[in-house]
């Protein structure tokens, strides 16, 4: 019985670790895409942000719909 529980726990650990690895890989891919973005696109995005208000309230409204 104890051995069976240990096996189940081991399998759950393996599944959790695999999910974490997948998430890390996705984050790495996103970071690579952002880093490899041409400078012209970065400048376009940067200028559009200046037109918007930069207060904490506006950021919360934008992100969370408050």
N, C-alpha and C. Protein backbone atom coordinates (compact mmCIF):
# COMPACT_ATOMS: atom_id res chain seq x y z
N UNK A 1 0.82 -1.19 0.00
CA UNK A 1 0.00 0.00 0.00
C UNK A 1 0.86 1.26 0.00
N UNK A 2 1.88 1.29 0.88
CA UNK A 2 2.77 2.45 0.95
C UNK A 2 3.56 2.60 -0.34
N UNK A 3 3.96 1.49 -0.90
CA UNK A 3 4.71 1.52 -2.15
C UNK A 3 3.84 2.05 -3.28
N UNK A 4 2.58 1.66 -3.28
CA UNK A 4 1.63 2.13 -4.29
C UNK A 4 1.43 3.64 -4.18
N UNK A 5 1.32 4.14 -2.96
CA UNK A 5 1.17 5.59 -2.76
C UNK A 5 2.42 6.33 -3.20
N UNK A 6 3.57 5.76 -2.92
CA UNK A 6 4.83 6.38 -3.32
C UNK A 6 4.92 6.47 -4.84
N UNK A 7 4.48 5.46 -5.53
CA UNK A 7 4.48 5.47 -6.99
C UNK A 7 3.55 6.55 -7.54
N UNK A 8 2.37 6.66 -6.93
CA UNK A 8 1.41 7.68 -7.37
C UNK A 8 1.97 9.08 -7.15
N UNK A 9 2.58 9.28 -6.00
CA UNK A 9 3.16 10.58 -5.70
C UNK A 9 4.29 10.89 -6.67
N UNK A 10 5.09 9.89 -6.97
CA UNK A 10 6.18 10.07 -7.93
C UNK A 10 5.66 10.44 -9.32
N UNK A 11 4.59 9.82 -9.74
CA UNK A 11 3.99 10.13 -11.04
C UNK A 11 3.44 11.55 -11.06
N UNK A 12 2.78 11.95 -9.97
CA UNK A 12 2.26 13.32 -9.89
C UNK A 12 3.39 14.34 -9.93
N UNK A 13 4.48 14.04 -9.25
CA UNK A 13 5.64 14.93 -9.28
C UNK A 13 6.17 15.05 -10.70
N UNK A 14 6.25 13.94 -11.38
CA UNK A 14 6.74 13.94 -12.77
C UNK A 14 5.85 14.77 -13.68
N UNK A 15 4.55 14.64 -13.52
CA UNK A 15 3.60 15.41 -14.33
C UNK A 15 3.76 16.90 -14.05
N UNK A 16 3.86 17.25 -12.76
CA UNK A 16 4.01 18.66 -12.38
C UNK A 16 5.30 19.24 -12.93
N UNK A 17 6.37 18.50 -12.84
CA UNK A 17 7.66 18.98 -13.36
C UNK A 17 7.61 19.15 -14.87
N UNK A 18 6.96 18.24 -15.55
CA UNK A 18 6.84 18.34 -17.01
C UNK A 18 6.05 19.58 -17.41
N UNK A 19 4.96 19.86 -16.68
CA UNK A 19 4.18 21.06 -16.97
C UNK A 19 5.02 22.32 -16.76
N UNK A 20 5.79 22.33 -15.69
CA UNK A 20 6.66 23.48 -15.43
C UNK A 20 7.68 23.66 -16.55
N UNK A 21 8.23 22.57 -17.00
CA UNK A 21 9.20 22.65 -18.10
C UNK A 21 8.56 23.21 -19.37
N UNK A 22 7.34 22.79 -19.65
CA UNK A 22 6.63 23.31 -20.82
C UNK A 22 6.40 24.81 -20.69
N UNK A 23 5.99 25.25 -19.51
CA UNK A 23 5.76 26.68 -19.29
C UNK A 23 7.05 27.47 -19.41
N UNK A 24 8.13 26.92 -18.91
CA UNK A 24 9.43 27.60 -19.03
C UNK A 24 9.84 27.72 -20.48
N UNK A 25 9.62 26.66 -21.25
CA UNK A 25 9.95 26.71 -22.68
C UNK A 25 9.11 27.75 -23.41
N UNK A 26 7.82 27.82 -23.09
CA UNK A 26 6.96 28.83 -23.73
C UNK A 26 7.42 30.24 -23.37
N UNK A 27 7.77 30.45 -22.12
CA UNK A 27 8.25 31.77 -21.70
C UNK A 27 9.56 32.11 -22.39
N UNK A 28 10.43 31.13 -22.56
CA UNK A 28 11.69 31.36 -23.25
C UNK A 28 11.46 31.73 -24.72
N UNK A 29 10.51 31.07 -25.36
CA UNK A 29 10.19 31.38 -26.75
C UNK A 29 9.64 32.79 -26.87
N UNK A 30 8.75 33.18 -25.96
CA UNK A 30 8.19 34.53 -25.99
C UNK A 30 9.29 35.57 -25.79
N UNK A 31 10.19 35.30 -24.85
CA UNK A 31 11.27 36.24 -24.58
C UNK A 31 12.19 36.36 -25.79
N UNK A 32 12.45 35.25 -26.46
CA UNK A 32 13.29 35.28 -27.65
C UNK A 32 12.64 36.10 -28.76
N UNK A 33 11.33 35.93 -28.93
CA UNK A 33 10.62 36.70 -29.95
C UNK A 33 10.68 38.19 -29.65
N UNK A 34 10.51 38.54 -28.39
CA UNK A 34 10.56 39.95 -28.01
C UNK A 34 11.95 40.52 -28.22
N UNK A 35 12.96 39.76 -27.88
CA UNK A 35 14.34 40.23 -28.01
C UNK A 35 14.75 40.35 -29.47
N UNK A 36 14.21 39.50 -30.33
CA UNK A 36 14.59 39.50 -31.75
C UNK A 36 13.70 40.39 -32.60
N UNK A 37 12.79 41.13 -31.97
CA UNK A 37 11.89 42.00 -32.71
C UNK A 37 12.70 43.15 -33.32
N UNK A 38 12.44 43.49 -34.58
CA UNK A 38 13.15 44.60 -35.20
C UNK A 38 12.94 45.91 -34.43
N UNK A 39 13.92 46.79 -34.49
CA UNK A 39 13.86 48.06 -33.75
C UNK A 39 12.70 48.93 -34.21
N UNK A 40 12.33 48.90 -35.48
CA UNK A 40 11.25 49.74 -35.97
C UNK A 40 9.92 49.39 -35.30
N UNK A 41 9.67 48.10 -35.05
CA UNK A 41 8.44 47.69 -34.38
C UNK A 41 8.45 48.14 -32.93
N UNK A 42 9.62 48.08 -32.27
CA UNK A 42 9.70 48.51 -30.88
C UNK A 42 9.41 49.99 -30.77
N UNK A 43 9.91 50.77 -31.73
CA UNK A 43 9.68 52.21 -31.68
C UNK A 43 8.20 52.53 -31.90
N UNK A 44 7.56 51.80 -32.81
CA UNK A 44 6.13 52.02 -33.06
C UNK A 44 5.32 51.75 -31.79
N UNK A 45 5.64 50.65 -31.11
CA UNK A 45 4.91 50.31 -29.89
C UNK A 45 5.20 51.32 -28.80
N UNK A 46 6.42 51.78 -28.72
CA UNK A 46 6.79 52.73 -27.68
C UNK A 46 6.09 54.06 -27.83
N UNK A 47 5.91 54.54 -29.05
CA UNK A 47 5.26 55.83 -29.25
C UNK A 47 3.77 55.75 -28.98
N UNK A 48 3.15 54.60 -29.21
CA UNK A 48 1.72 54.49 -28.95
C UNK A 48 1.43 54.52 -27.45
N UNK A 49 2.37 54.08 -26.64
CA UNK A 49 2.16 54.07 -25.19
C UNK A 49 2.21 55.47 -24.60
N UNK A 50 2.91 56.40 -25.26
CA UNK A 50 3.02 57.75 -24.72
C UNK A 50 1.70 58.50 -24.81
N UNK A 51 0.83 58.13 -25.73
CA UNK A 51 -0.43 58.82 -25.89
C UNK A 51 -1.42 58.46 -24.78
N UNK A 52 -1.17 57.33 -24.11
CA UNK A 52 -2.08 56.89 -23.06
C UNK A 52 -1.61 57.43 -21.71
N UNK A 53 -2.54 57.65 -20.79
CA UNK A 53 -2.15 58.09 -19.46
C UNK A 53 -1.32 57.01 -18.76
N UNK A 54 -0.42 57.44 -17.89
CA UNK A 54 0.50 56.48 -17.30
C UNK A 54 0.29 56.30 -15.80
N UNK A 55 -0.88 56.67 -15.29
CA UNK A 55 -1.14 56.51 -13.87
C UNK A 55 -1.47 55.08 -13.50
N UNK A 56 -1.36 54.77 -12.23
CA UNK A 56 -1.65 53.44 -11.75
C UNK A 56 -3.11 53.07 -12.02
N UNK A 57 -4.01 54.02 -11.85
CA UNK A 57 -5.42 53.74 -12.08
C UNK A 57 -5.68 53.34 -13.52
N UNK A 58 -5.07 54.03 -14.46
CA UNK A 58 -5.29 53.69 -15.87
C UNK A 58 -4.68 52.33 -16.21
N UNK A 59 -3.56 51.99 -15.58
CA UNK A 59 -2.95 50.68 -15.83
C UNK A 59 -3.87 49.58 -15.30
N UNK A 60 -4.41 49.79 -14.10
CA UNK A 60 -5.33 48.79 -13.54
C UNK A 60 -6.58 48.65 -14.37
N UNK A 61 -7.10 49.78 -14.87
CA UNK A 61 -8.28 49.72 -15.73
C UNK A 61 -7.99 48.92 -16.98
N UNK A 62 -6.84 49.17 -17.57
CA UNK A 62 -6.48 48.50 -18.81
C UNK A 62 -6.30 47.00 -18.60
N UNK A 63 -5.58 46.62 -17.54
CA UNK A 63 -5.27 45.21 -17.31
C UNK A 63 -6.42 44.41 -16.72
N UNK A 64 -7.14 45.03 -15.80
CA UNK A 64 -8.12 44.27 -15.04
C UNK A 64 -9.56 44.73 -15.24
N UNK A 65 -9.77 45.76 -16.04
CA UNK A 65 -11.11 46.24 -16.30
C UNK A 65 -11.76 46.88 -15.10
N UNK A 66 -10.94 47.47 -14.23
CA UNK A 66 -11.50 48.11 -13.04
C UNK A 66 -12.04 49.47 -13.35
